Protein backbone atom coordinates (compact mmCIF):
# COMPACT_ATOMS: atom_id res chain seq x y z
CA MET A 1 -21.63 5.73 14.19
CA SER A 2 -20.13 5.61 10.32
CA THR A 3 -22.66 5.11 6.96
CA ILE A 4 -22.48 2.77 4.37
CA ARG A 5 -24.90 3.75 1.82
CA ILE A 6 -25.31 0.99 -1.50
CA LEU A 7 -27.05 2.37 -4.63
CA ARG A 8 -28.75 0.28 -7.38
CA PRO A 9 -29.08 2.54 -10.22
CA LYS A 10 -31.02 1.58 -13.05
CA GLN A 11 -28.81 -0.92 -15.62
CA LYS A 12 -28.38 0.13 -18.70
CA TRP A 13 -27.53 -2.79 -21.49
CA LYS A 14 -25.86 -2.69 -24.20
CA ALA A 15 -27.13 -4.85 -27.03
CA SER A 16 -24.27 -6.35 -28.35
CA PRO A 17 -23.88 -10.90 -29.14
CA ALA A 18 -21.46 -11.15 -26.12
CA THR A 19 -23.24 -9.49 -23.72
CA LEU A 20 -27.07 -9.78 -24.86
CA LEU A 21 -27.16 -13.40 -26.07
CA PRO A 22 -25.71 -15.14 -22.10
CA THR A 23 -28.09 -12.07 -20.17
CA ALA A 24 -31.54 -13.64 -22.05
CA LEU A 25 -30.29 -17.66 -21.24
CA LEU A 26 -30.31 -16.60 -17.52
CA PHE A 27 -32.87 -14.55 -18.16
CA ARG A 28 -34.82 -17.62 -19.49
CA LEU A 29 -33.33 -20.44 -18.10
CA PHE A 30 -32.89 -19.81 -14.36
CA ASN A 31 -35.15 -16.32 -13.90
CA PRO A 32 -32.88 -14.92 -11.69
CA GLN A 33 -34.14 -12.80 -8.82
CA SER A 34 -34.13 -9.10 -9.10
CA HIS A 35 -32.07 -8.76 -5.57
CA PHE A 36 -28.83 -8.40 -3.56
CA THR A 37 -27.91 -9.80 -0.71
CA VAL A 38 -26.15 -7.26 1.29
CA VAL A 39 -23.56 -9.79 3.65
CA LEU A 40 -21.48 -6.97 5.84
CA ASP A 41 -18.89 -8.75 8.13
CA ASP A 42 -20.32 -11.84 7.49
CA GLN A 43 -23.40 -11.14 8.45
CA LEU A 44 -26.91 -10.64 6.02
CA VAL A 45 -27.69 -7.29 6.20
CA GLY A 46 -30.04 -6.90 4.02
CA ARG A 47 -31.49 -7.23 0.22
CA ILE A 48 -31.01 -4.98 -2.98
CA GLY A 49 -33.29 -4.89 -5.15
CA ARG A 50 -33.11 -2.43 -8.99
CA GLU A 51 -32.74 1.62 -8.01
CA GLU A 52 -33.08 1.13 -5.04
CA VAL A 53 -30.89 2.49 -1.72
CA LYS A 54 -29.81 1.09 1.39
CA ILE A 55 -28.23 3.06 4.48
CA PHE A 56 -26.57 0.97 6.47
CA ASP A 57 -25.37 2.27 10.15
CA VAL A 58 -22.57 0.69 11.34
CA GLU A 59 -19.36 1.48 14.11
CA PRO A 60 -16.09 2.95 13.19
CA GLY A 61 -13.76 0.71 12.35
CA GLU A 62 -12.73 -2.25 9.22
CA HIS A 63 -15.62 -3.18 7.70
CA ARG A 64 -15.75 -6.25 4.98
CA ILE A 65 -18.33 -5.99 2.94
CA TYR A 66 -20.37 -8.25 -0.62
CA LEU A 67 -23.30 -9.40 -2.70
CA ARG A 68 -24.68 -12.43 -2.87
CA PHE A 69 -26.62 -13.56 -6.22
CA LEU A 70 -29.12 -16.45 -6.01
CA ARG A 71 -26.04 -18.54 -3.33
CA LEU A 72 -24.40 -19.17 -5.83
CA ARG A 73 -22.59 -16.01 -7.19
CA LYS A 74 -21.61 -13.29 -5.38
CA SER A 75 -19.33 -9.63 -6.24
CA THR A 76 -15.97 -9.52 -5.33
CA GLU A 77 -15.36 -8.87 -1.35
CA LEU A 78 -14.48 -5.17 -0.32
CA ARG A 79 -12.76 -3.75 2.64
CA VAL A 80 -14.08 -0.86 3.64
CA SER A 81 -12.17 1.52 6.78
CA LEU A 82 -14.83 4.19 8.14
CA LYS A 83 -13.52 7.11 11.34
CA ASP A 84 -16.64 7.59 13.31
CA GLY A 85 -19.11 9.90 11.23
CA GLU A 86 -17.38 8.83 8.02
CA GLU A 87 -19.95 7.86 5.22
CA GLN A 88 -18.70 5.16 1.87
CA GLN A 89 -20.51 4.74 -0.91
CA PHE A 90 -20.80 2.07 -2.74
CA VAL A 91 -22.57 1.31 -5.94
CA CYS A 92 -23.71 -2.08 -7.92
CA ALA A 93 -24.05 -3.89 -10.84
CA THR A 94 -24.59 -6.72 -12.81
CA SER A 95 -22.32 -7.99 -14.84
CA ALA A 96 -23.14 -9.76 -18.21
CA MET A 97 -22.57 -12.80 -16.68
CA GLY A 98 -25.14 -11.84 -14.42
CA TRP A 99 -22.44 -11.82 -11.55
CA PRO A 100 -23.03 -8.89 -8.81
CA THR A 101 -20.80 -6.25 -9.18
CA LEU A 102 -19.30 -4.16 -5.88
CA ARG A 103 -17.19 -0.83 -6.32
CA GLU A 104 -16.90 2.24 -3.92
CA VAL A 105 -17.85 5.62 -5.67
CA SER A 106 -15.30 8.21 -5.81
CA THR A 107 -15.82 11.51 -4.55
């Protein structure tokens, strides 16, 4: 088995008019959920909330992973190739406009 680990650290917002106003409007108008849905190989495999870590055991080989938020927004799909016993880590966050982001953690 191989492992995919997703981290969602506490987000530090930069206070500038370009980021603060759209974010404040988004939260006020839509009151978004505080979690992302994790989609692995076209299957919903769980949710990740603020300051959480999720671990998914997968078979070795090629996998596709992305995040969904409010069913309307999704992150860029990432492809990962894992060998037996290998672990890959990702970190997720939200952009200033409310889009989920997912990137590999470089080791």
